[in-house]
Amino acid sequence: MLTLERVKEIEAQKRDIDIIFDDEALFHLGFELPSADELQISRCKPAQNISVVEISAQDPFNFRELFQYELINLSKKRDRFKESKTFALKFAGVATLSGELDKAEIVLQEAIKNNPDSRLLNKLGDTQILQGKDDKAKSTFEQSDLSSDLYSNLRIAYVYAKSNDLSNAMKYLENARKIDPTDFRHQMFMGLIHLNNGQCELAIRNFRVASETKRNSSALYVNLAASHWSLGHTEKTAKELKKAIAVNPLNENALIFYADVMFSIKCNEKAISPLEFYVKLNQKSKFAWERLARAYYFTGKYTKARHALENQIAIHDEPSAYNNLGLVHWKLNNDKIAFKCLYKSIQDSKSDKNNRSIPLLNMAIALNERKHFKECYGILSNFVEQEHTDINDRVLCKIYIEYLSCLEGLEEYEKSTIKLNEFVRRDIKDVEGKALLLISKIYSDAVINNDVEECIKS
């Protein structure tokens, strides 16, 4: 068997990219795009629909508890200031940050009875959106003067866009444009719609206009980065993500996106510093620990990678983390621990063939490297006989190569040739994977079997 470079597979869980149209509002309501890996493959294809992410639900620093104490104090003053618009807005804001959305809604409804002010209406509509009461929220925003209230138009457009009714959403976005064509939020929303429709150049144009009036928005730069990434503009993507992180070093959305981009261009060292800063302040992000471990691994910092993965496992015990930990221990020459971690990853992934294939490949590579050919044959023999339409072709072909290697290690040359021919005939779409098998076949025909005619056919 031709000896090709064996590269063990690190796993990274996909994290959707959050696209936010207003990161200065109290509640960051936005949309999701696929992960950086998926977006790179699909490029600027239109999405099937718009899915909504509620970013305000994230509370990594446990601020909610702090606001609950303030809410108790405000509740004691509620009767005294029940007719005050300012008090109602403050109470609603603190109640929402405390997770008491129902209390915020009641106070705002009472205040609106005395004074149907647009700020109160907008606050109530936002609160209802956070509760999932979209129809009520739309009715609330419609009580405002839509000929002058830009915010209400944007929020109604949001509700329509959330249900994929872009036709009606565009009507209210047009109203917003007439009120103020340069408004940052309108430009961000239009950019989002264009990005969702696969019109990346138009999206970039809108985001650029938005940046002329607001340069301190981390979300804006992430949106620009997503647009450029969809078009294959790697350098521009990295540039915009650096801006996003500079504006807000705690923007996990930007950090994970940046780490994935740096990994794709083999510049993992650049992702380490911002990730290290982030995990000092938020130690509960499995995505951050996972990306930091990956960056450490590919820059040769294996002890630090182990520490990062142990932190990830403490947060969420997942098969992918044990796969990665096994590879780290392999680099640290802790063979027994490495095999133990890989075995656990395989066992814990039994219900998911696609995820199971990666630790299985890594185990096979490790066994072959240590010349444990019989053991490698034992874990792969049943696997290679089955059809695997739900497994990545590139990974599958690498598993086939390891299986052929262990057969040759056991001096089963005839069986290796038969299985190689069988694998080549299988329907494999991935070009890199197919090439691995064809190269192996050409080598086998020409060098091992001395069959020049068959080699030429290959």
Protein backbone atom coordinates (compact mmCIF):
# COMPACT_ATOMS: atom_id res chain seq x y z
CA MET A 1 0.00 0.00 0.00
CA LEU A 2 1.30 3.44 -0.93
CA THR A 3 2.12 5.29 2.32
CA LEU A 4 0.24 8.59 2.31
CA GLU A 5 0.45 11.21 5.02
CA ARG A 6 -1.90 10.21 7.83
CA VAL A 7 -3.77 13.18 9.26
CA LYS A 8 -5.95 12.52 12.29
CA GLU A 9 -9.26 14.34 12.33
CA ILE A 10 -9.98 17.01 14.96
CA GLU A 11 -13.71 17.55 15.50
CA ALA A 12 -15.34 20.97 15.93
CA GLN A 13 -19.04 21.34 16.57
CA LYS A 14 -20.80 23.64 14.15
CA ARG A 15 -22.03 26.93 15.56
CA ASP A 16 -24.50 28.99 13.54
CA ILE A 17 -23.50 32.58 12.79
CA ASP A 18 -25.83 35.08 14.43
CA ILE A 19 -26.79 37.95 12.12
CA ILE A 20 -28.17 40.84 14.20
CA PHE A 21 -29.82 43.95 12.82
CA ASP A 22 -29.55 46.11 15.96
CA ASP A 23 -26.99 45.33 18.64
CA GLU A 24 -27.68 48.51 20.59
CA ALA A 25 -31.30 47.70 21.38
CA LEU A 26 -31.99 46.20 24.80
CA PHE A 27 -32.91 42.90 23.15
CA HIS A 28 -30.70 41.65 20.37
CA LEU A 29 -33.21 40.14 17.98
CA GLY A 30 -31.65 38.63 14.93
CA PHE A 31 -31.38 35.71 12.54
CA GLU A 32 -29.12 32.72 12.03
CA LEU A 33 -26.91 31.74 9.11
CA PRO A 34 -25.20 28.33 8.84
CA SER A 35 -21.81 27.78 10.45
CA ALA A 36 -18.64 29.11 8.81
CA ASP A 37 -17.86 25.67 7.29
CA GLU A 38 -21.34 25.30 5.80
CA LEU A 39 -21.47 28.90 4.60
CA GLN A 40 -18.12 28.48 2.86
CA ILE A 41 -19.52 25.51 0.92
CA SER A 42 -22.93 26.98 0.06
CA ARG A 43 -21.51 30.43 -0.72
CA CYS A 44 -24.26 32.90 -1.61
CA LYS A 45 -27.12 30.46 -2.07
CA PRO A 46 -30.47 31.73 -0.79
CA ALA A 47 -31.62 30.23 2.51
CA GLN A 48 -34.71 28.02 2.55
CA ASN A 49 -36.21 30.18 5.29
CA ILE A 50 -35.30 32.58 8.02
CA SER A 51 -34.72 31.10 11.45
CA VAL A 52 -34.69 33.32 14.48
CA VAL A 53 -32.17 33.42 17.30
CA GLU A 54 -32.95 35.06 20.61
CA ILE A 55 -29.60 36.35 21.72
CA SER A 56 -30.87 38.00 24.87
CA ALA A 57 -31.47 34.52 26.32
CA GLN A 58 -27.69 34.19 26.80
CA ASP A 59 -26.56 35.27 30.26
CA PRO A 60 -23.01 33.91 30.69
CA PHE A 61 -22.11 36.36 33.45
CA ASN A 62 -25.29 35.75 35.50
CA PHE A 63 -26.43 39.40 35.41
CA ARG A 64 -30.03 38.28 35.85
CA GLU A 65 -29.55 37.66 39.57
CA LEU A 66 -28.18 41.17 40.07
CA PHE A 67 -31.21 42.78 38.46
CA GLN A 68 -33.64 40.70 40.54
CA TYR A 69 -32.56 42.58 43.68
CA GLU A 70 -33.20 45.90 41.97
CA LEU A 71 -36.61 44.68 40.80
CA ILE A 72 -37.64 43.94 44.41
CA ASN A 73 -36.80 47.53 45.39
CA LEU A 74 -38.71 48.97 42.40
CA SER A 75 -41.75 46.84 43.20
CA LYS A 76 -42.04 48.58 46.56
CA LYS A 77 -42.32 51.95 44.76
CA ARG A 78 -44.77 50.81 42.11
CA ASP A 79 -47.96 52.24 43.68
CA ARG A 80 -46.35 55.61 44.27
CA PHE A 81 -45.19 56.03 40.64
CA LYS A 82 -47.87 54.07 38.78
CA GLU A 83 -48.70 57.04 36.52
CA SER A 84 -45.06 57.81 35.67
CA LYS A 85 -43.97 56.86 32.15
CA THR A 86 -40.29 57.00 33.17
CA PHE A 87 -40.87 54.63 36.08
CA ALA A 88 -42.82 52.20 33.90
CA LEU A 89 -40.00 52.08 31.35
CA LYS A 90 -37.37 51.56 34.04
CA PHE A 91 -39.40 48.89 35.82
CA ALA A 92 -40.03 47.04 32.55
CA GLY A 93 -36.36 47.17 31.65
CA VAL A 94 -35.20 45.78 34.99
CA ALA A 95 -38.01 43.18 35.04
CA THR A 96 -36.99 41.93 31.61
CA LEU A 97 -33.34 41.71 32.55
CA SER A 98 -34.43 39.75 35.62
CA GLY A 99 -36.34 37.29 33.46
CA GLU A 100 -39.72 38.55 34.73
CA LEU A 101 -41.27 39.33 31.35
CA ASP A 102 -44.84 38.91 32.54
CA LYS A 103 -44.35 41.62 35.20
CA ALA A 104 -42.83 43.94 32.59
CA GLU A 105 -45.84 43.42 30.31
CA ILE A 106 -48.39 44.15 33.08
CA VAL A 107 -46.70 47.39 34.15
CA LEU A 108 -46.41 48.63 30.57
CA GLN A 109 -50.04 47.84 29.77
CA GLU A 110 -51.15 49.79 32.84
CA ALA A 111 -48.98 52.78 31.88
CA ILE A 112 -50.28 52.77 28.27
CA LYS A 113 -53.88 53.06 29.52
CA ASN A 114 -52.95 56.44 30.98
CA ASN A 115 -50.51 57.50 28.27
CA PRO A 116 -50.27 55.63 24.91
CA ASP A 117 -46.77 57.02 24.32
CA SER A 118 -44.73 55.50 21.47
CA ARG A 119 -41.83 54.61 23.78
CA LEU A 120 -44.19 52.65 26.02
CA LEU A 121 -45.77 50.94 23.03
CA ASN A 122 -42.37 50.02 21.59
CA LYS A 123 -41.21 48.65 24.92
CA LEU A 124 -44.38 46.59 25.30
CA GLY A 125 -44.04 45.23 21.75
CA ASP A 126 -40.43 44.21 22.44
CA THR A 127 -41.49 42.47 25.64
CA GLN A 128 -44.21 40.57 23.82
CA ILE A 129 -41.78 39.48 21.10
CA LEU A 130 -39.49 38.08 23.78
CA GLN A 131 -42.43 36.10 25.14
CA GLY A 132 -43.20 34.68 21.71
CA LYS A 133 -46.43 36.68 21.43
CA ASP A 134 -45.73 37.89 17.91
CA ASP A 135 -49.33 38.64 16.93
CA LYS A 136 -49.87 40.71 20.06
CA ALA A 137 -46.58 42.50 19.47
CA LYS A 138 -47.59 43.39 15.91
CA SER A 139 -50.91 44.80 17.17
CA THR A 140 -49.05 46.82 19.79
CA PHE A 141 -46.62 48.34 17.29
CA GLU A 142 -49.51 49.13 14.92
CA GLN A 143 -50.95 51.46 17.57
CA SER A 144 -48.01 53.81 16.97
CA ASP A 145 -48.00 56.48 14.28
CA LEU A 146 -46.41 54.45 11.50
CA SER A 147 -45.87 57.54 9.36
CA SER A 148 -43.24 58.78 11.79
CA ASP A 149 -42.29 55.89 14.12
CA LEU A 150 -39.39 54.17 12.38
CA TYR A 151 -38.82 51.69 15.21
CA SER A 152 -42.37 50.31 15.08
CA ASN A 153 -42.09 49.79 11.33
CA LEU A 154 -38.86 47.86 11.79
CA ARG A 155 -40.36 45.69 14.51
CA ILE A 156 -43.47 44.87 12.45
CA ALA A 157 -41.15 44.01 9.54
CA TYR A 158 -39.24 41.77 11.91
CA VAL A 159 -42.39 39.88 12.94
CA TYR A 160 -43.30 39.30 9.30
CA ALA A 161 -39.75 38.27 8.39
CA LYS A 162 -39.73 35.86 11.32
CA SER A 163 -42.63 33.98 9.72
CA ASN A 164 -40.92 34.20 6.30
CA ASP A 165 -43.48 36.68 4.99
CA LEU A 166 -40.86 38.85 3.30
CA SER A 167 -43.41 40.54 1.05
CA ASN A 168 -45.15 42.21 3.99
CA ALA A 169 -41.84 42.74 5.77
CA MET A 170 -40.59 44.78 2.80
CA LYS A 171 -43.65 47.06 2.95
CA TYR A 172 -42.77 48.15 6.48
CA LEU A 173 -39.09 48.40 5.64
CA GLU A 174 -40.07 50.75 2.83
CA ASN A 175 -42.03 52.83 5.38
CA ALA A 176 -38.90 52.95 7.54
CA ARG A 177 -36.81 54.04 4.55
CA LYS A 178 -39.17 56.93 3.84
CA ILE A 179 -38.89 58.12 7.44
CA ASP A 180 -35.07 58.01 7.44
CA PRO A 181 -33.19 56.43 4.48
CA THR A 182 -29.86 56.58 6.32
CA ASP A 183 -31.03 54.94 9.55
CA PHE A 184 -28.53 52.36 10.76
CA ARG A 185 -31.14 49.77 11.75
CA HIS A 186 -32.97 49.99 8.44
CA GLN A 187 -29.76 49.49 6.50
CA MET A 188 -28.80 46.55 8.73
CA PHE A 189 -32.22 44.95 8.25
CA MET A 190 -32.10 45.39 4.47
CA GLY A 191 -28.62 43.92 4.43
CA LEU A 192 -29.88 40.96 6.40
CA ILE A 193 -32.73 40.36 3.94
CA HIS A 194 -30.34 40.54 0.98
CA LEU A 195 -27.89 38.18 2.70
CA ASN A 196 -30.66 35.71 3.43
CA ASN A 197 -31.71 35.88 -0.25
CA GLY A 198 -28.17 35.12 -1.39
CA GLN A 199 -27.63 38.68 -2.67
CA CYS A 200 -24.32 39.15 -0.91
CA GLU A 201 -23.11 42.17 -2.89
CA LEU A 202 -26.31 44.07 -2.09
CA ALA A 203 -25.99 43.04 1.55
CA ILE A 204 -22.45 44.44 1.68
CA ARG A 205 -23.69 47.71 0.17
CA ASN A 206 -26.33 48.08 2.90
CA PHE A 207 -23.90 47.22 5.66
CA ARG A 208 -21.38 49.72 4.29
CA VAL A 209 -24.01 52.48 4.37
CA ALA A 210 -24.83 51.49 7.94
CA SER A 211 -21.15 51.75 8.90
CA GLU A 212 -21.06 55.39 7.79
CA THR A 213 -23.37 56.36 10.66
CA LYS A 214 -22.21 53.82 13.23
CA ARG A 215 -18.70 52.43 13.52
CA ASN A 216 -18.91 50.93 17.00
CA SER A 217 -21.23 48.03 16.18
CA SER A 218 -19.67 44.60 16.60
CA ALA A 219 -22.72 43.01 14.97
CA LEU A 220 -22.30 45.17 11.87
CA TYR A 221 -18.78 43.86 11.28
CA VAL A 222 -19.90 40.25 11.80
CA ASN A 223 -22.62 40.80 9.19
CA LEU A 224 -20.08 42.21 6.76
CA ALA A 225 -17.75 39.30 7.47
CA ALA A 226 -20.52 36.77 6.77
CA SER A 227 -21.28 38.48 3.47
CA HIS A 228 -17.62 38.48 2.40
CA TRP A 229 -17.13 34.88 3.57
CA SER A 230 -20.09 33.79 1.46
CA LEU A 231 -18.36 35.35 -1.56
CA GLY A 232 -15.03 33.70 -0.77
CA HIS A 233 -13.32 36.97 0.30
CA THR A 234 -11.13 35.47 3.03
CA GLU A 235 -8.93 38.50 3.76
CA LYS A 236 -11.89 40.87 3.95
CA THR A 237 -13.71 38.42 6.21
CA ALA A 238 -10.79 38.30 8.63
CA LYS A 239 -10.46 42.10 8.57
CA GLU A 240 -14.13 42.65 9.47
CA LEU A 241 -14.02 40.02 12.23
CA LYS A 242 -10.98 41.69 13.77
CA LYS A 243 -12.99 44.92 13.90
CA ALA A 244 -15.92 43.10 15.50
CA ILE A 245 -13.67 41.65 18.21
CA ALA A 246 -11.90 44.98 18.77
CA VAL A 247 -15.28 46.68 19.37
CA ASN A 248 -16.51 43.87 21.62
CA PRO A 249 -13.95 41.26 22.77
CA LEU A 250 -16.78 39.33 24.47
CA ASN A 251 -18.77 38.78 21.28
CA GLU A 252 -18.70 34.96 21.15
CA ASN A 253 -20.40 35.01 17.77
CA ALA A 254 -17.48 36.95 16.26
CA LEU A 255 -14.82 34.98 18.13
CA ILE A 256 -16.00 31.53 17.01
CA PHE A 257 -16.45 32.75 13.44
CA TYR A 258 -12.93 34.24 13.50
CA ALA A 259 -11.42 31.04 14.97
CA ASP A 260 -13.07 28.95 12.24
CA VAL A 261 -11.79 31.27 9.51
CA MET A 262 -8.25 31.18 10.95
CA PHE A 263 -8.43 27.38 11.07
CA SER A 264 -9.52 27.20 7.44
CA ILE A 265 -6.48 29.24 6.33
CA LYS A 266 -4.10 27.50 8.78
CA CYS A 267 -3.47 30.61 10.89
CA ASN A 268 -4.53 29.11 14.22
CA GLU A 269 -1.99 31.13 16.21
CA LYS A 270 -3.96 34.32 15.51
CA ALA A 271 -7.11 32.90 17.15
CA ILE A 272 -5.43 32.07 20.46
CA SER A 273 -5.10 35.50 22.09
CA PRO A 274 -8.74 36.66 21.68
CA LEU A 275 -10.02 33.24 22.76
CA GLU A 276 -7.77 33.20 25.84
CA PHE A 277 -9.08 36.61 26.85
CA TYR A 278 -12.67 35.47 26.38
CA VAL A 279 -12.44 32.27 28.46
CA LYS A 280 -10.91 34.21 31.34
CA LEU A 281 -14.20 36.07 31.66
CA ASN A 282 -16.62 33.41 30.43
CA GLN A 283 -15.56 29.89 31.33
CA LYS A 284 -18.92 28.34 30.42
CA SER A 285 -18.65 28.41 26.64
CA LYS A 286 -18.01 24.94 25.22
CA PHE A 287 -17.49 26.46 21.77
CA ALA A 288 -14.75 28.78 23.01
CA TRP A 289 -12.88 26.03 24.86
CA GLU A 290 -13.20 23.72 21.86
CA ARG A 291 -11.83 26.32 19.40
CA LEU A 292 -9.05 27.26 21.82
CA ALA A 293 -8.07 23.59 22.19
CA ARG A 294 -8.01 23.20 18.41
CA ALA A 295 -5.80 26.27 18.00
CA TYR A 296 -3.42 25.00 20.70
CA TYR A 297 -3.31 21.54 19.06
CA PHE A 298 -2.36 22.84 15.63
CA THR A 299 0.30 25.15 17.06
CA GLY A 300 1.93 22.37 19.08
CA LYS A 301 0.72 23.51 22.51
CA TYR A 302 -0.55 20.09 23.52
CA THR A 303 -0.60 20.51 27.30
CA LYS A 304 -2.68 23.67 26.95
CA ALA A 305 -4.93 21.88 24.48
CA ARG A 306 -5.52 19.13 27.04
CA HIS A 307 -6.42 21.70 29.70
CA ALA A 308 -8.87 23.44 27.34
CA LEU A 309 -10.56 20.14 26.42
CA GLU A 310 -10.87 19.14 30.07
CA ASN A 311 -12.66 22.44 30.67
CA GLN A 312 -14.94 21.74 27.70
CA ILE A 313 -15.78 18.27 29.02
CA ALA A 314 -16.54 19.73 32.46
CA ILE A 315 -19.19 21.92 30.78
CA HIS A 316 -20.62 19.31 28.41
CA ASP A 317 -19.52 15.69 28.21
CA GLU A 318 -19.57 15.02 24.43
CA PRO A 319 -18.04 12.35 22.16
CA SER A 320 -16.27 14.93 19.98
CA ALA A 321 -14.36 16.28 22.99
CA TYR A 322 -13.06 12.80 23.85
CA ASN A 323 -12.00 12.30 20.23
CA ASN A 324 -9.97 15.50 20.40
CA LEU A 325 -8.61 14.68 23.86
CA GLY A 326 -7.46 11.31 22.53
CA LEU A 327 -5.47 13.03 19.78
CA VAL A 328 -3.88 15.39 22.29
CA HIS A 329 -2.81 12.52 24.53
CA TRP A 330 -1.41 10.77 21.45
CA LYS A 331 0.78 13.80 20.81
CA LEU A 332 1.84 13.74 24.48
CA ASN A 333 2.83 10.06 24.03
CA ASN A 334 0.15 8.90 26.48
CA ASP A 335 -0.92 5.98 24.27
CA LYS A 336 -3.11 4.16 26.80
CA ILE A 337 -5.08 7.30 27.68
CA ALA A 338 -5.35 8.20 23.99
CA PHE A 339 -6.85 4.81 23.11
CA LYS A 340 -9.18 5.04 26.10
CA CYS A 341 -10.47 8.47 25.00
CA LEU A 342 -10.95 7.39 21.39
CA TYR A 343 -12.75 4.24 22.47
CA LYS A 344 -15.11 6.27 24.67
CA SER A 345 -15.79 8.65 21.77
CA ILE A 346 -16.64 5.68 19.49
CA GLN A 347 -18.91 4.08 22.09
CA ASP A 348 -20.70 7.33 22.92
CA SER A 349 -21.28 8.02 19.18
CA LYS A 350 -22.90 4.67 18.36
CA SER A 351 -26.25 6.27 17.60
CA ASP A 352 -24.68 8.78 15.17
CA LYS A 353 -22.73 7.08 12.38
CA ASN A 354 -21.36 10.32 10.95
CA ASN A 355 -19.89 11.45 14.29
CA ARG A 356 -18.70 7.92 15.05
CA SER A 357 -16.71 7.74 11.83
CA ILE A 358 -14.14 10.34 12.90
CA PRO A 359 -12.98 8.72 16.17
CA LEU A 360 -13.11 5.37 14.37
CA LEU A 361 -10.73 6.72 11.70
CA ASN A 362 -8.43 8.19 14.34
CA MET A 363 -8.37 4.90 16.27
CA ALA A 364 -7.53 3.00 13.08
CA ILE A 365 -4.68 5.38 12.24
CA ALA A 366 -3.28 5.11 15.77
CA LEU A 367 -3.45 1.30 15.75
CA ASN A 368 -1.75 1.06 12.35
CA GLU A 369 0.96 3.51 13.42
CA ARG A 370 1.73 1.23 16.39
CA LYS A 371 1.51 -1.83 14.07
CA HIS A 372 -1.49 -3.25 15.92
CA PHE A 373 -2.88 -4.53 12.61
CA LYS A 374 -5.02 -7.29 14.08
CA GLU A 375 -6.80 -4.86 16.42
CA CYS A 376 -7.34 -2.39 13.55
CA TYR A 377 -8.85 -5.17 11.44
CA GLY A 378 -11.13 -6.04 14.35
CA ILE A 379 -12.70 -2.57 14.60
CA LEU A 380 -12.99 -1.96 10.83
CA SER A 381 -13.91 -5.30 9.24
CA ASN A 382 -17.67 -5.04 9.83
CA PHE A 383 -17.73 -1.31 9.18
CA VAL A 384 -16.25 -1.46 5.65
CA GLU A 385 -18.71 -4.14 4.52
CA GLN A 386 -21.69 -1.85 5.11
CA GLU A 387 -23.10 0.96 2.97
CA HIS A 388 -22.54 4.39 4.55
CA THR A 389 -24.52 7.05 2.71
CA ASP A 390 -24.70 9.22 5.84
CA ILE A 391 -20.94 9.53 6.33
CA ASN A 392 -18.63 12.14 4.84
CA ASP A 393 -17.02 10.57 1.74
CA ARG A 394 -13.56 11.95 2.50
CA VAL A 395 -13.57 10.43 5.99
CA LEU A 396 -15.00 7.18 4.63
CA CYS A 397 -12.23 6.87 2.04
CA LYS A 398 -9.60 7.45 4.71
CA ILE A 399 -11.14 4.61 6.73
CA TYR A 400 -10.94 2.38 3.64
CA ILE A 401 -7.25 3.25 3.26
CA GLU A 402 -6.55 2.34 6.90
CA TYR A 403 -8.41 -0.95 6.44
CA LEU A 404 -6.28 -1.79 3.40
CA SER A 405 -3.15 -0.86 5.35
CA CYS A 406 -3.99 -3.23 8.18
CA LEU A 407 -4.67 -6.03 5.67
CA GLU A 408 -1.23 -5.55 4.16
CA GLY A 409 0.24 -5.37 7.66
CA LEU A 410 -1.32 -8.82 8.19
CA GLU A 411 0.15 -9.89 4.79
CA GLU A 412 -3.34 -10.37 3.36
CA TYR A 413 -2.25 -8.95 -0.01
CA GLU A 414 -4.78 -10.75 -2.20
CA LYS A 415 -7.68 -9.70 0.02
CA SER A 416 -6.33 -6.13 0.08
CA THR A 417 -6.35 -6.01 -3.74
CA ILE A 418 -9.90 -7.39 -3.94
CA LYS A 419 -11.21 -4.90 -1.36
CA LEU A 420 -9.38 -2.00 -3.02
CA ASN A 421 -11.06 -2.76 -6.35
CA GLU A 422 -14.40 -2.99 -4.57
CA PHE A 423 -13.92 0.37 -2.83
CA VAL A 424 -12.94 2.09 -6.10
CA ARG A 425 -16.19 0.92 -7.69
CA ARG A 426 -18.30 2.42 -4.92
CA ASP A 427 -20.23 5.64 -5.57
CA ILE A 428 -18.00 8.23 -3.93
CA LYS A 429 -18.70 11.87 -4.72
CA ASP A 430 -15.84 13.53 -2.80
CA VAL A 431 -12.98 14.27 -5.22
CA GLU A 432 -10.23 14.11 -2.60
CA GLY A 433 -11.53 10.82 -1.22
CA LYS A 434 -11.87 9.23 -4.64
CA ALA A 435 -8.35 10.41 -5.53
CA LEU A 436 -6.92 8.67 -2.44
CA LEU A 437 -8.40 5.37 -3.57
CA LEU A 438 -7.37 5.79 -7.22
CA ILE A 439 -3.79 6.64 -6.27
CA SER A 440 -3.69 3.55 -4.07
CA LYS A 441 -5.05 1.41 -6.92
CA ILE A 442 -2.55 2.75 -9.44
CA TYR A 443 0.28 2.04 -7.00
CA SER A 444 -1.08 -1.43 -6.25
CA ASP A 445 -1.46 -2.35 -9.94
CA ALA A 446 1.90 -0.98 -11.01
CA VAL A 447 4.18 -1.82 -8.10
CA ILE A 448 2.64 -4.65 -6.08
CA ASN A 449 0.79 -6.64 -8.77
CA ASN A 450 3.07 -5.57 -11.64
CA ASP A 451 -0.06 -5.24 -13.83
CA VAL A 452 0.82 -2.39 -16.21
CA GLU A 453 -2.31 -2.89 -18.33
CA GLU A 454 -4.63 -2.57 -15.30
CA CYS A 455 -2.60 0.41 -14.11
CA ILE A 456 -3.21 2.20 -17.44
CA LYS A 457 -6.96 1.47 -17.17
CA SER A 458 -7.01 3.01 -13.72
